[in-house]
Amino acid sequence: MQELLTNTKTAFKYKSTKDLKLAKWIYGIMHQYPDLVLSMSQLGMFAVEWKIPFADQVVYNTFYKVFCGGKDLKDCISVVENLAEFGVETVLDYGAEAKDSEEEYEAVTQEFLKAIRFAGKHASIPLISMKITAIADFELLEKYSNPSSTKSPQEVIDWERAMARFDLICKTAYENGTSIFVDAEESWIQPALDTMVMEMMKLYNTEAPVLYNTYQMYLKSSRDRLISHHSELKKAGLVLGAKIVRGAYMDKESKRAEELGLEDPIYPTKGDTDDAYNEAILYSFQERDNMAFCCASHNRESCIILLELIKENKVENHPNISFCQLYGMSDNLTFNLATQGVRSMKYLPYGSVENTFPYLVRRAHENTSITNDASREYLMLSEELERREKAKRK
């Protein structure tokens, strides 16, 4: 099984040699010069925000092309069709987060609605992804995450507006036969996000998982949240949708806890997080007939654990089980899994360079972190390019 998910010929069959060389170059930089990449990502953010000449083009022709699908939905069609040719479905991820005005919230809401209707017309796009901070104020969500906080009349109005926007998005997804991954964000606004998502699940997850909540398993609280949410919906005869991830805000979470003198919400070791993640996968698999879940992981061992469970129980085509990895990363998992008769998907970010840049910065930080993702990707890309060169010489 280990060998199955390391086949580079299958993993990169969908990429041209030109695209492979660009990806290898990008990962080579992240692998060899991690400190430089982290510094340059901050400089790049500044350059893009302040519209410094050529900054957009530099980012677009390098990191953007490796990790994003296009500047708009039309741009994404060729990528979606290419993935579908190899049995991989697409999760559309409009690059918008942390907006801070009613005008921006309304504009982003319209983009989500457009993506949902677009997905509804393409069988290979079962889901879109969204962040609630793209349609609601962060500080408002923070206040509504604290039950003891006093809300002003204006904040109550803002909350009702945010809920109305979210309801419209969910209703549109329901009507178009599309589902939504609601991304997790910082733990101190998660209670408000959970409130919003659970309310919408009770309206729309009546037969199928229109909404998926996200559970970051590096948080000590996530296992209990997952079980609690599932139990509540199961009793009501509803379906929980659960996207299970390790998490994306580790440094920020620990730093905030230290500054405020709080207990660190993160597990102390990677091993603890891995154990929590795999326990969540096992729990979800056992409950697969009354909850839908996605193993959204770049961890090969976790994917193998779930794949082996699927094979042993002969449930390859179960509609409630899926795998997902980010576009431009872990192709060895996505495309090899797709050959095993299981639902395999790619998260495909799209949007302007400015809107997607925070996402690209997170990818740079993740790939230059202690997990050594850049090194692994670089070696696999090198192996495939060498294999193609040998095949050409024969």
Protein backbone atom coordinates (compact mmCIF):
# COMPACT_ATOMS: atom_id res chain seq x y z
CA MET A 1 0.00 0.00 0.00
CA GLN A 2 2.89 2.38 0.77
CA GLU A 3 4.28 1.87 -2.75
CA LEU A 4 0.85 2.49 -4.24
CA LEU A 5 0.81 6.14 -3.13
CA THR A 6 4.35 6.92 -4.32
CA ASN A 7 3.97 6.14 -8.04
CA THR A 8 5.23 9.34 -9.70
CA LYS A 9 4.16 8.30 -13.20
CA THR A 10 0.52 8.19 -12.06
CA ALA A 11 0.94 11.20 -9.76
CA PHE A 12 2.19 13.59 -12.43
CA LYS A 13 0.61 12.18 -15.59
CA TYR A 14 -1.69 15.21 -15.74
CA LYS A 15 1.24 17.67 -15.80
CA SER A 16 3.29 18.64 -18.83
CA THR A 17 7.07 18.48 -18.53
CA LYS A 18 7.15 22.28 -18.64
CA ASP A 19 4.77 22.46 -15.65
CA LEU A 20 6.81 19.85 -13.79
CA LYS A 21 9.99 21.88 -14.26
CA LEU A 22 8.32 25.03 -12.90
CA ALA A 23 7.00 23.13 -9.89
CA LYS A 24 10.42 21.57 -9.26
CA TRP A 25 12.03 25.02 -9.42
CA ILE A 26 9.51 26.46 -6.92
CA TYR A 27 9.87 23.55 -4.53
CA GLY A 28 13.64 23.64 -4.95
CA ILE A 29 13.69 27.23 -3.72
CA MET A 30 11.47 26.37 -0.73
CA HIS A 31 13.60 23.30 0.01
CA GLN A 32 17.00 24.98 -0.27
CA TYR A 33 16.27 28.53 0.94
CA PRO A 34 13.41 28.37 3.46
CA ASP A 35 14.40 31.52 5.36
CA LEU A 36 14.64 33.49 2.12
CA VAL A 37 11.21 32.25 1.00
CA LEU A 38 9.60 33.34 4.27
CA SER A 39 11.20 36.79 4.03
CA MET A 40 10.29 37.18 0.36
CA SER A 41 6.68 36.13 1.00
CA GLN A 42 6.23 39.07 3.36
CA LEU A 43 7.89 41.41 0.88
CA GLY A 44 5.69 40.02 -1.87
CA MET A 45 2.56 40.66 0.19
CA PHE A 46 3.61 44.29 0.58
CA ALA A 47 4.44 44.64 -3.14
CA VAL A 48 1.11 43.16 -4.27
CA GLU A 49 -0.96 45.20 -1.80
CA TRP A 50 0.75 48.43 -2.84
CA LYS A 51 0.58 47.52 -6.54
CA ILE A 52 4.31 47.85 -7.11
CA PRO A 53 4.96 47.43 -10.88
CA PHE A 54 5.47 43.86 -12.11
CA ALA A 55 4.83 42.34 -8.65
CA ASP A 56 1.59 40.73 -9.87
CA GLN A 57 3.29 39.23 -12.91
CA VAL A 58 6.22 37.83 -10.93
CA VAL A 59 3.90 36.10 -8.47
CA TYR A 60 1.49 34.98 -11.23
CA ASN A 61 4.22 33.33 -13.31
CA THR A 62 5.79 31.49 -10.36
CA PHE A 63 3.95 30.48 -7.17
CA TYR A 64 0.48 31.31 -8.51
CA LYS A 65 0.78 29.00 -11.52
CA VAL A 66 1.82 26.08 -9.30
CA PHE A 67 -0.83 26.50 -6.59
CA CYS A 68 -3.82 28.29 -8.21
CA GLY A 69 -6.26 27.46 -10.99
CA GLY A 70 -6.85 30.85 -12.59
CA LYS A 71 -7.99 34.42 -12.07
CA ASP A 72 -11.67 33.61 -12.63
CA LEU A 73 -14.01 30.66 -13.16
CA LYS A 74 -13.51 30.69 -16.91
CA ASP A 75 -9.76 30.40 -16.36
CA CYS A 76 -10.34 27.31 -14.21
CA ILE A 77 -12.26 25.27 -16.79
CA SER A 78 -9.18 23.78 -18.46
CA VAL A 79 -7.73 22.79 -15.07
CA VAL A 80 -11.03 21.25 -13.94
CA GLU A 81 -11.33 19.26 -17.16
CA ASN A 82 -7.71 18.11 -16.93
CA LEU A 83 -8.21 16.84 -13.36
CA ALA A 84 -11.47 15.12 -14.33
CA GLU A 85 -9.71 13.27 -17.15
CA PHE A 86 -7.70 11.47 -14.46
CA GLY A 87 -10.64 10.76 -12.17
CA VAL A 88 -10.05 13.71 -9.81
CA GLU A 89 -12.88 16.06 -8.82
CA THR A 90 -12.50 19.76 -8.01
CA VAL A 91 -13.34 21.84 -4.94
CA LEU A 92 -13.52 25.48 -6.05
CA ASP A 93 -11.89 27.85 -3.56
CA TYR A 94 -12.43 31.54 -4.31
CA GLY A 95 -9.47 33.39 -2.83
CA ALA A 96 -11.21 35.75 -0.44
CA GLU A 97 -10.80 36.06 3.30
CA ALA A 98 -10.64 38.63 6.08
CA LYS A 99 -12.73 41.30 4.35
CA ASP A 100 -13.83 44.26 6.45
CA SER A 101 -16.72 46.19 4.92
CA GLU A 102 -20.35 45.53 4.01
CA GLU A 103 -19.57 46.30 0.38
CA GLU A 104 -16.79 43.72 0.30
CA TYR A 105 -18.94 41.13 2.09
CA GLU A 106 -21.71 41.58 -0.47
CA ALA A 107 -19.28 41.41 -3.39
CA VAL A 108 -17.69 38.20 -2.10
CA THR A 109 -21.14 36.70 -1.46
CA GLN A 110 -21.95 37.23 -5.13
CA GLU A 111 -18.70 35.49 -6.11
CA PHE A 112 -19.61 32.49 -3.93
CA LEU A 113 -23.07 32.35 -5.52
CA LYS A 114 -21.48 32.50 -8.97
CA ALA A 115 -19.13 29.63 -8.04
CA ILE A 116 -22.01 27.53 -6.72
CA ARG A 117 -24.03 27.97 -9.91
CA PHE A 118 -20.93 27.21 -11.97
CA ALA A 119 -20.29 24.05 -9.94
CA GLY A 120 -23.91 23.00 -10.34
CA LYS A 121 -23.35 22.79 -14.10
CA HIS A 122 -20.20 20.65 -13.85
CA ALA A 123 -20.45 17.11 -12.49
CA SER A 124 -16.74 17.07 -11.65
CA ILE A 125 -17.13 20.04 -9.23
CA PRO A 126 -19.12 18.69 -6.26
CA LEU A 127 -18.07 21.39 -3.79
CA ILE A 128 -16.96 24.93 -3.25
CA SER A 129 -14.96 26.13 -0.25
CA MET A 130 -15.42 29.33 1.73
CA LYS A 131 -14.19 31.22 4.76
CA ILE A 132 -16.82 32.95 6.86
CA THR A 133 -14.41 35.85 7.48
CA ALA A 134 -14.96 36.68 3.79
CA ILE A 135 -18.60 37.58 4.57
CA ALA A 136 -18.46 38.60 8.26
CA ASP A 137 -16.26 40.84 10.41
CA PHE A 138 -13.54 39.04 12.40
CA GLU A 139 -14.13 41.12 15.55
CA LEU A 140 -17.86 40.48 15.31
CA LEU A 141 -17.20 36.73 15.13
CA GLU A 142 -14.83 37.02 18.08
CA LYS A 143 -17.50 38.80 20.12
CA TYR A 144 -20.16 36.21 19.21
CA SER A 145 -17.72 33.47 20.24
CA ASN A 146 -17.82 34.84 23.78
CA PRO A 147 -21.27 34.23 25.31
CA SER A 148 -20.66 36.73 28.11
CA SER A 149 -19.82 39.65 25.81
CA THR A 150 -22.30 42.49 25.42
CA LYS A 151 -23.40 43.17 21.84
CA SER A 152 -24.31 46.65 20.66
CA PRO A 153 -27.48 47.18 18.57
CA GLN A 154 -25.28 47.66 15.50
CA GLU A 155 -23.42 44.39 16.17
CA VAL A 156 -26.73 42.54 16.39
CA ILE A 157 -27.70 44.00 13.01
CA ASP A 158 -24.29 43.06 11.55
CA TRP A 159 -24.66 39.50 12.87
CA GLU A 160 -28.12 39.18 11.30
CA ARG A 161 -26.75 40.46 7.99
CA ALA A 162 -23.90 37.94 8.09
CA MET A 163 -26.35 35.14 8.85
CA ALA A 164 -28.59 36.25 5.97
CA ARG A 165 -25.63 36.22 3.56
CA PHE A 166 -24.58 32.78 4.77
CA ASP A 167 -28.16 31.47 4.51
CA LEU A 168 -28.40 32.71 0.92
CA ILE A 169 -25.14 30.94 0.04
CA CYS A 170 -26.29 27.68 1.67
CA LYS A 171 -29.76 27.85 0.12
CA THR A 172 -28.24 28.39 -3.31
CA ALA A 173 -25.94 25.40 -2.82
CA TYR A 174 -28.91 23.27 -1.77
CA GLU A 175 -30.90 24.31 -4.83
CA ASN A 176 -27.98 23.66 -7.21
CA GLY A 177 -27.00 20.26 -5.83
CA THR A 178 -23.64 21.57 -4.64
CA SER A 179 -21.95 21.23 -1.24
CA ILE A 180 -19.80 23.67 0.75
CA PHE A 181 -16.62 23.15 2.75
CA VAL A 182 -16.71 25.85 5.46
CA ASP A 183 -13.07 26.32 6.38
CA ALA A 184 -11.94 26.44 9.99
CA GLU A 185 -10.22 29.61 11.15
CA GLU A 186 -8.65 30.81 14.40
CA SER A 187 -9.90 28.91 17.47
CA TRP A 188 -11.09 32.07 19.24
CA ILE A 189 -13.70 32.72 16.53
CA GLN A 190 -14.57 29.04 15.99
CA PRO A 191 -17.56 29.02 18.40
CA ALA A 192 -19.30 31.68 16.27
CA LEU A 193 -18.46 29.77 13.09
CA ASP A 194 -19.86 26.58 14.64
CA THR A 195 -23.05 28.40 15.61
CA MET A 196 -23.53 29.60 12.03
CA VAL A 197 -22.69 26.27 10.41
CA MET A 198 -24.79 24.14 12.76
CA GLU A 199 -27.79 26.41 12.23
CA MET A 200 -27.48 26.03 8.46
CA MET A 201 -26.88 22.28 8.70
CA LYS A 202 -30.19 21.97 10.54
CA LEU A 203 -31.88 23.71 7.61
CA TYR A 204 -30.12 22.09 4.66
CA ASN A 205 -28.34 18.84 5.69
CA THR A 206 -31.65 16.98 5.76
CA GLU A 207 -30.71 14.18 3.37
CA ALA A 208 -27.25 14.93 2.03
CA PRO A 209 -24.28 16.95 3.32
CA VAL A 210 -24.82 20.39 1.79
CA LEU A 211 -22.46 21.83 4.42
CA TYR A 212 -19.24 20.44 5.84
CA ASN A 213 -17.75 21.96 8.99
CA THR A 214 -13.97 21.75 9.39
CA TYR A 215 -12.20 20.14 12.33
CA GLN A 216 -8.55 21.06 12.93
CA MET A 217 -7.21 18.04 14.75
CA TYR A 218 -4.13 19.77 16.15
CA LEU A 219 -6.56 21.49 18.53
CA LYS A 220 -7.20 19.54 21.73
CA SER A 221 -10.89 20.47 21.56
CA SER A 222 -11.61 19.18 18.04
CA ARG A 223 -12.34 15.54 18.81
CA ASP A 224 -15.06 16.46 21.31
CA ARG A 225 -16.49 19.07 18.90
CA LEU A 226 -16.70 16.50 16.12
CA ILE A 227 -18.47 13.93 18.28
CA SER A 228 -20.78 16.50 19.87
CA HIS A 229 -21.85 17.97 16.52
CA HIS A 230 -22.39 14.53 15.04
CA SER A 231 -24.45 13.35 18.02
CA GLU A 232 -26.64 16.45 17.93
CA LEU A 233 -27.41 16.13 14.23
CA LYS A 234 -27.78 12.35 14.32
CA LYS A 235 -30.47 12.62 17.01
CA ALA A 236 -32.35 15.06 14.78
CA GLY A 237 -32.09 12.71 11.79
CA LEU A 238 -29.70 15.06 9.99
CA VAL A 239 -26.34 14.53 8.29
CA LEU A 240 -23.08 15.94 9.61
CA GLY A 241 -20.55 16.94 6.98
CA ALA A 242 -17.01 16.91 8.40
CA LYS A 243 -13.81 18.02 6.70
CA ILE A 244 -11.00 16.64 8.83
CA VAL A 245 -7.68 18.51 8.65
CA ARG A 246 -4.62 18.85 10.83
CA GLY A 247 -4.77 22.65 10.83
CA ALA A 248 -3.28 25.86 9.48
CA TYR A 249 -2.82 28.36 12.33
CA MET A 250 -0.44 26.59 14.70
CA ASP A 251 2.09 29.38 15.29
CA LYS A 252 -0.63 32.01 15.71
CA GLU A 253 -2.59 29.83 18.17
CA SER A 254 0.37 29.11 20.44
CA LYS A 255 1.63 32.70 20.34
CA ARG A 256 -1.75 34.11 21.33
CA ALA A 257 -2.14 31.61 24.17
CA GLU A 258 1.28 32.55 25.53
CA GLU A 259 0.59 36.29 25.30
CA LEU A 260 -2.73 35.95 27.14
CA GLY A 261 -1.47 33.44 29.70
CA LEU A 262 -3.84 30.75 28.43
CA GLU A 263 -3.34 27.03 28.06
CA ASP A 264 -1.93 26.24 24.63
CA PRO A 265 -4.88 24.86 22.60
CA ILE A 266 -2.48 22.87 20.38
CA TYR A 267 -1.31 19.34 21.12
CA PRO A 268 2.30 19.39 22.39
CA THR A 269 3.70 17.00 19.77
CA LYS A 270 3.10 16.10 16.13
CA GLY A 271 2.57 12.52 17.27
CA ASP A 272 -0.34 13.62 19.45
CA THR A 273 -1.89 15.46 16.51
CA ASP A 274 -1.40 12.43 14.25
CA ASP A 275 -3.11 10.21 16.83
CA ALA A 276 -6.03 12.63 17.16
CA TYR A 277 -6.36 12.87 13.38
CA ASN A 278 -6.38 9.12 12.84
CA GLU A 279 -8.88 8.62 15.69
CA ALA A 280 -11.19 11.15 14.01
CA ILE A 281 -10.89 9.28 10.71
CA LEU A 282 -11.68 5.97 12.41
CA TYR A 283 -14.68 7.43 14.24
CA SER A 284 -16.00 8.99 11.03
CA PHE A 285 -15.53 5.79 9.08
CA GLN A 286 -17.49 3.83 11.66
CA GLU A 287 -20.31 6.40 11.42
CA ARG A 288 -20.14 6.67 7.61
CA ASP A 289 -23.77 5.78 7.05
CA ASN A 290 -25.03 8.82 8.98
CA MET A 291 -22.24 11.33 8.42
CA ALA A 292 -20.16 12.39 5.43
CA PHE A 293 -16.47 13.10 5.91
CA CYS A 294 -13.43 14.12 3.94
CA CYS A 295 -9.90 13.04 4.78
CA ALA A 296 -8.34 16.37 3.80
CA SER A 297 -4.75 15.48 4.47
CA HIS A 298 -1.28 15.49 2.92
CA ASN A 299 -0.21 12.83 5.39
CA ARG A 300 0.38 9.55 3.56
CA GLU A 301 -0.06 7.37 6.65
CA SER A 302 -3.51 8.81 7.42
CA CYS A 303 -4.60 8.31 3.81
CA ILE A 304 -3.35 4.72 3.88
CA ILE A 305 -5.22 4.01 7.13
CA LEU A 306 -8.50 5.16 5.56
CA LEU A 307 -7.83 3.46 2.22
CA GLU A 308 -7.15 0.15 3.98
CA LEU A 309 -10.40 0.48 5.96
CA ILE A 310 -12.28 1.14 2.71
CA LYS A 311 -10.72 -1.88 1.00
CA GLU A 312 -11.26 -4.22 3.96
CA ASN A 313 -14.93 -3.25 4.18
CA LYS A 314 -15.43 -3.12 0.39
CA VAL A 315 -16.94 0.39 0.40
CA GLU A 316 -14.85 1.98 -2.37
CA ASN A 317 -17.80 3.87 -3.84
CA HIS A 318 -19.36 5.03 -0.58
CA PRO A 319 -20.86 8.51 -1.22
CA ASN A 320 -19.99 9.75 2.27
CA ILE A 321 -16.21 9.16 2.08
CA SER A 322 -13.74 11.35 0.21
CA PHE A 323 -10.09 12.40 0.10
CA CYS A 324 -8.80 15.87 -0.74
CA GLN A 325 -5.44 17.58 -1.19
CA LEU A 326 -4.46 21.08 -2.27
CA TYR A 327 -3.77 21.81 -5.92
CA GLY A 328 -0.03 21.77 -6.57
CA MET A 329 0.70 19.57 -3.57
CA SER A 330 0.72 15.83 -2.80
CA ASP A 331 -0.20 14.71 -6.31
CA ASN A 332 1.24 11.32 -5.31
CA LEU A 333 -1.76 10.93 -2.98
CA THR A 334 -4.55 12.48 -5.06
CA PHE A 335 -3.94 10.76 -8.38
CA ASN A 336 -2.91 7.39 -7.01
CA LEU A 337 -5.98 7.35 -4.75
CA ALA A 338 -8.13 8.14 -7.79
CA THR A 339 -7.00 4.84 -9.36
CA GLN A 340 -8.41 2.93 -6.37
CA GLY A 341 -12.07 3.66 -6.98
CA VAL A 342 -12.37 6.17 -4.13
CA ARG A 343 -13.52 9.78 -4.36
CA SER A 344 -10.40 11.89 -4.76
CA MET A 345 -10.47 15.70 -5.01
CA LYS A 346 -8.26 18.74 -5.41
CA TYR A 347 -8.81 22.06 -3.62
CA LEU A 348 -8.46 24.60 -6.44
CA PRO A 349 -7.90 28.22 -5.32
CA TYR A 350 -8.68 30.91 -7.87
CA GLY A 351 -9.02 34.69 -7.99
CA SER A 352 -6.80 37.71 -8.44
CA VAL A 353 -3.17 37.57 -7.35
CA GLU A 354 -3.98 40.12 -4.63
CA ASN A 355 -6.85 38.05 -3.23
CA THR A 356 -5.00 34.74 -3.33
CA PHE A 357 -1.68 36.02 -1.98
CA PRO A 358 -2.45 35.29 1.71
CA TYR A 359 -3.18 31.71 0.64
CA LEU A 360 0.11 31.51 -1.27
CA VAL A 361 2.01 32.82 1.75
CA ARG A 362 0.50 30.05 3.90
CA ARG A 363 1.57 27.46 1.32
CA ALA A 364 5.11 28.85 1.42
CA HIS A 365 5.16 28.74 5.22
CA GLU A 366 3.75 25.20 5.35
CA ASN A 367 6.17 23.84 2.78
CA THR A 368 9.22 25.33 4.49
CA SER A 369 8.13 24.15 7.93
CA ILE A 370 9.40 21.30 10.07
CA THR A 371 7.21 18.86 8.12
CA ASN A 372 9.70 19.15 5.24
CA ASP A 373 6.98 19.02 2.60
CA ALA A 374 9.10 20.97 0.13
CA SER A 375 11.89 18.41 0.29
CA ARG A 376 9.49 15.52 -0.32
CA GLU A 377 7.78 17.27 -3.24
CA TYR A 378 11.11 18.29 -4.76
CA LEU A 379 12.41 14.72 -4.68
CA MET A 380 9.26 13.28 -6.28
CA LEU A 381 9.24 15.93 -9.02
CA SER A 382 12.92 15.23 -9.69
CA GLU A 383 12.23 11.49 -9.86
CA GLU A 384 9.43 11.94 -12.39
CA LEU A 385 11.43 14.30 -14.60
CA GLU A 386 14.31 11.80 -14.57
CA ARG A 387 11.89 8.95 -15.42
CA ARG A 388 10.53 10.92 -18.38
CA GLU A 389 14.01 11.73 -19.61
CA LYS A 390 15.00 8.06 -19.51
CA ALA A 391 11.80 7.05 -21.30
CA LYS A 392 12.52 9.62 -24.02
CA ARG A 393 16.02 8.19 -24.59
CA LYS A 394 14.78 4.63 -25.05
